[in-house]
């Protein structure tokens, strides 16, 4: 989930948001794979089974999330960090931000 800016060119706000959106959408696409989704629910929420109906609703909500812009408030600290460092590199702690974003959907179904 890391990418360095080695061009010496200043990252624009648009480039930062595009980078965040791409990373978020890649994570969402991972969860659109039922095997990954079920495994995650099992590990994180201790839910051994998800009904087919819940899976379909979760996938529907994730697909909707794909087309929405990133939540600027949720990612504000990361946006500021990327602006200040002028780097697209992300620390491991930032990965939690992306998971927290998609978990908003998941928590509706547990």
C-alpha atoms as a PDB file:
ATOM      1  CA  UNK A   1       0.000   0.000   0.000  1.00  0.00           C
ATOM      2  CA  UNK A   2       2.983   2.310  -0.423  1.00  0.00           C
ATOM      3  CA  UNK A   3       3.997   4.509  -3.288  1.00  0.00           C
ATOM      4  CA  UNK A   4       6.691   7.156  -3.163  1.00  0.00           C
ATOM      5  CA  UNK A   5       6.747  10.408  -5.096  1.00  0.00           C
ATOM      6  CA  UNK A   6      10.209  10.361  -6.650  1.00  0.00           C
ATOM      7  CA  UNK A   7       9.516  12.896  -9.391  1.00  0.00           C
ATOM      8  CA  UNK A   8      10.123  15.965  -7.235  1.00  0.00           C
ATOM      9  CA  UNK A   9       6.762  17.321  -8.372  1.00  0.00           C
ATOM     10  CA  UNK A  10       4.400  18.630  -5.701  1.00  0.00           C
ATOM     11  CA  UNK A  11       1.365  16.395  -5.166  1.00  0.00           C
ATOM     12  CA  UNK A  12      -1.858  18.236  -5.891  1.00  0.00           C
ATOM     13  CA  UNK A  13      -4.927  17.843  -3.717  1.00  0.00           C
ATOM     14  CA  UNK A  14      -6.592  16.111  -6.642  1.00  0.00           C
ATOM     15  CA  UNK A  15      -3.717  13.621  -6.922  1.00  0.00           C
ATOM     16  CA  UNK A  16      -3.845  12.960  -3.180  1.00  0.00           C
ATOM     17  CA  UNK A  17      -7.593  12.330  -3.266  1.00  0.00           C
ATOM     18  CA  UNK A  18      -7.229  10.121  -6.342  1.00  0.00           C
ATOM     19  CA  UNK A  19      -4.541   8.103  -4.569  1.00  0.00           C
ATOM     20  CA  UNK A  20      -6.696   7.666  -1.469  1.00  0.00           C
ATOM     21  CA  UNK A  21      -9.742   6.778  -3.584  1.00  0.00           C
ATOM     22  CA  UNK A  22      -7.730   4.195  -5.525  1.00  0.00           C
ATOM     23  CA  UNK A  23      -6.447   2.546  -2.351  1.00  0.00           C
ATOM     24  CA  UNK A  24      -9.903   2.572  -0.773  1.00  0.00           C
ATOM     25  CA  UNK A  25     -11.496   1.141  -3.914  1.00  0.00           C
ATOM     26  CA  UNK A  26      -8.876  -1.606  -4.154  1.00  0.00           C
ATOM     27  CA  UNK A  27      -9.741  -2.658  -0.616  1.00  0.00           C
ATOM     28  CA  UNK A  28     -13.456  -2.560  -1.419  1.00  0.00           C
ATOM     29  CA  UNK A  29     -12.862  -4.747  -4.478  1.00  0.00           C
ATOM     30  CA  UNK A  30     -11.079  -7.274  -2.263  1.00  0.00           C
ATOM     31  CA  UNK A  31     -14.180  -7.454  -0.084  1.00  0.00           C
ATOM     32  CA  UNK A  32     -16.405  -8.003  -3.106  1.00  0.00           C
ATOM     33  CA  UNK A  33     -14.824 -11.460  -3.246  1.00  0.00           C
ATOM     34  CA  UNK A  34     -17.163 -13.486  -1.013  1.00  0.00           C
ATOM     35  CA  UNK A  35     -14.371 -15.714   0.246  1.00  0.00           C
ATOM     36  CA  UNK A  36     -12.407 -12.728   1.514  1.00  0.00           C
ATOM     37  CA  UNK A  37     -15.526 -11.128   2.976  1.00  0.00           C
ATOM     38  CA  UNK A  38     -16.599 -14.276   4.832  1.00  0.00           C
ATOM     39  CA  UNK A  39     -13.070 -14.895   6.090  1.00  0.00           C
ATOM     40  CA  UNK A  40     -12.800 -11.311   7.366  1.00  0.00           C
ATOM     41  CA  UNK A  41     -16.145 -11.494   9.173  1.00  0.00           C
ATOM     42  CA  UNK A  42     -15.097 -14.771  10.734  1.00  0.00           C
ATOM     43  CA  UNK A  43     -11.776 -13.401  11.989  1.00  0.00           C
ATOM     44  CA  UNK A  44     -12.744  -9.875  12.996  1.00  0.00           C
ATOM     45  CA  UNK A  45     -16.353 -10.236  14.124  1.00  0.00           C
ATOM     46  CA  UNK A  46     -16.260 -13.912  15.117  1.00  0.00           C
ATOM     47  CA  UNK A  47     -19.124 -14.564  12.710  1.00  0.00           C
ATOM     48  CA  UNK A  48     -18.761 -18.023  11.260  1.00  0.00           C
ATOM     49  CA  UNK A  49     -21.648 -17.673   8.848  1.00  0.00           C
ATOM     50  CA  UNK A  50     -23.205 -14.892   6.851  1.00  0.00           C
ATOM     51  CA  UNK A  51     -26.511 -15.452   5.130  1.00  0.00           C
ATOM     52  CA  UNK A  52     -26.586 -15.066   1.374  1.00  0.00           C
ATOM     53  CA  UNK A  53     -28.966 -12.149   1.820  1.00  0.00           C
ATOM     54  CA  UNK A  54     -26.533 -10.305   4.116  1.00  0.00           C
ATOM     55  CA  UNK A  55     -23.665 -10.998   1.745  1.00  0.00           C
ATOM     56  CA  UNK A  56     -25.636  -9.523  -1.149  1.00  0.00           C
ATOM     57  CA  UNK A  57     -26.594  -6.438   0.878  1.00  0.00           C
ATOM     58  CA  UNK A  58     -22.999  -5.905   1.979  1.00  0.00           C
ATOM     59  CA  UNK A  59     -21.759  -6.281  -1.589  1.00  0.00           C
ATOM     60  CA  UNK A  60     -24.435  -3.853  -2.811  1.00  0.00           C
ATOM     61  CA  UNK A  61     -23.375  -1.264  -0.222  1.00  0.00           C
ATOM     62  CA  UNK A  62     -19.700  -1.763  -1.066  1.00  0.00           C
ATOM     63  CA  UNK A  63     -20.420  -1.275  -4.772  1.00  0.00           C
ATOM     64  CA  UNK A  64     -22.218   1.967  -3.929  1.00  0.00           C
ATOM     65  CA  UNK A  65     -19.214   3.029  -1.896  1.00  0.00           C
ATOM     66  CA  UNK A  66     -17.001   2.488  -4.948  1.00  0.00           C
ATOM     67  CA  UNK A  67     -18.748   5.273  -6.838  1.00  0.00           C
ATOM     68  CA  UNK A  68     -18.837   7.755  -3.965  1.00  0.00           C
ATOM     69  CA  UNK A  69     -16.036  10.230  -3.323  1.00  0.00           C
ATOM     70  CA  UNK A  70     -13.820   9.672  -0.314  1.00  0.00           C
ATOM     71  CA  UNK A  71     -15.013  10.987   3.026  1.00  0.00           C
ATOM     72  CA  UNK A  72     -12.815  14.059   3.478  1.00  0.00           C
ATOM     73  CA  UNK A  73     -13.487  14.232   7.205  1.00  0.00           C
ATOM     74  CA  UNK A  74     -12.557  10.575   7.710  1.00  0.00           C
ATOM     75  CA  UNK A  75      -9.303  10.900   5.742  1.00  0.00           C
ATOM     76  CA  UNK A  76      -8.419  14.457   6.817  1.00  0.00           C
ATOM     77  CA  UNK A  77      -5.322  13.545   8.855  1.00  0.00           C
ATOM     78  CA  UNK A  78      -3.996  11.390   6.027  1.00  0.00           C
ATOM     79  CA  UNK A  79      -4.638  14.125   3.459  1.00  0.00           C
ATOM     80  CA  UNK A  80      -2.722  16.609   5.608  1.00  0.00           C
ATOM     81  CA  UNK A  81       0.137  14.135   6.084  1.00  0.00           C
ATOM     82  CA  UNK A  82       0.414  13.478   2.349  1.00  0.00           C
ATOM     83  CA  UNK A  83       0.380  17.219   1.638  1.00  0.00           C
ATOM     84  CA  UNK A  84       3.085  17.930   4.215  1.00  0.00           C
ATOM     85  CA  UNK A  85       5.371  15.081   3.194  1.00  0.00           C
ATOM     86  CA  UNK A  86       4.608  15.385  -0.524  1.00  0.00           C
ATOM     87  CA  UNK A  87       4.738  11.621  -0.604  1.00  0.00           C
ATOM     88  CA  UNK A  88       2.189   9.018  -1.567  1.00  0.00           C
ATOM     89  CA  UNK A  89       3.771   6.565   0.874  1.00  0.00           C
ATOM     90  CA  UNK A  90       1.493   5.338   3.602  1.00  0.00           C
ATOM     91  CA  UNK A  91       2.440   4.101   7.024  1.00  0.00           C
ATOM     92  CA  UNK A  92       0.930   0.866   8.251  1.00  0.00           C
ATOM     93  CA  UNK A  93      -1.176   2.810  10.763  1.00  0.00           C
ATOM     94  CA  UNK A  94      -2.928   4.549   7.865  1.00  0.00           C
ATOM     95  CA  UNK A  95      -4.098   1.208   6.560  1.00  0.00           C
ATOM     96  CA  UNK A  96      -6.462   1.108   9.534  1.00  0.00           C
ATOM     97  CA  UNK A  97      -8.205   4.199   8.154  1.00  0.00           C
ATOM     98  CA  UNK A  98      -9.182   2.312   5.024  1.00  0.00           C
ATOM     99  CA  UNK A  99     -10.468  -0.664   6.984  1.00  0.00           C
ATOM    100  CA  UNK A 100     -12.408   1.640   9.330  1.00  0.00           C
ATOM    101  CA  UNK A 101     -14.067   3.195   6.299  1.00  0.00           C
ATOM    102  CA  UNK A 102     -15.380  -0.104   4.905  1.00  0.00           C
ATOM    103  CA  UNK A 103     -16.218  -1.375   8.379  1.00  0.00           C
ATOM    104  CA  UNK A 104     -18.900   1.321   8.551  1.00  0.00           C
ATOM    105  CA  UNK A 105     -20.764  -0.836   6.043  1.00  0.00           C
ATOM    106  CA  UNK A 106     -20.006  -4.093   7.829  1.00  0.00           C
ATOM    107  CA  UNK A 107     -21.232  -2.898  11.210  1.00  0.00           C
ATOM    108  CA  UNK A 108     -24.705  -2.439   9.768  1.00  0.00           C
ATOM    109  CA  UNK A 109     -24.911  -6.194   9.278  1.00  0.00           C
ATOM    110  CA  UNK A 110     -23.500  -7.668  12.475  1.00  0.00           C
END
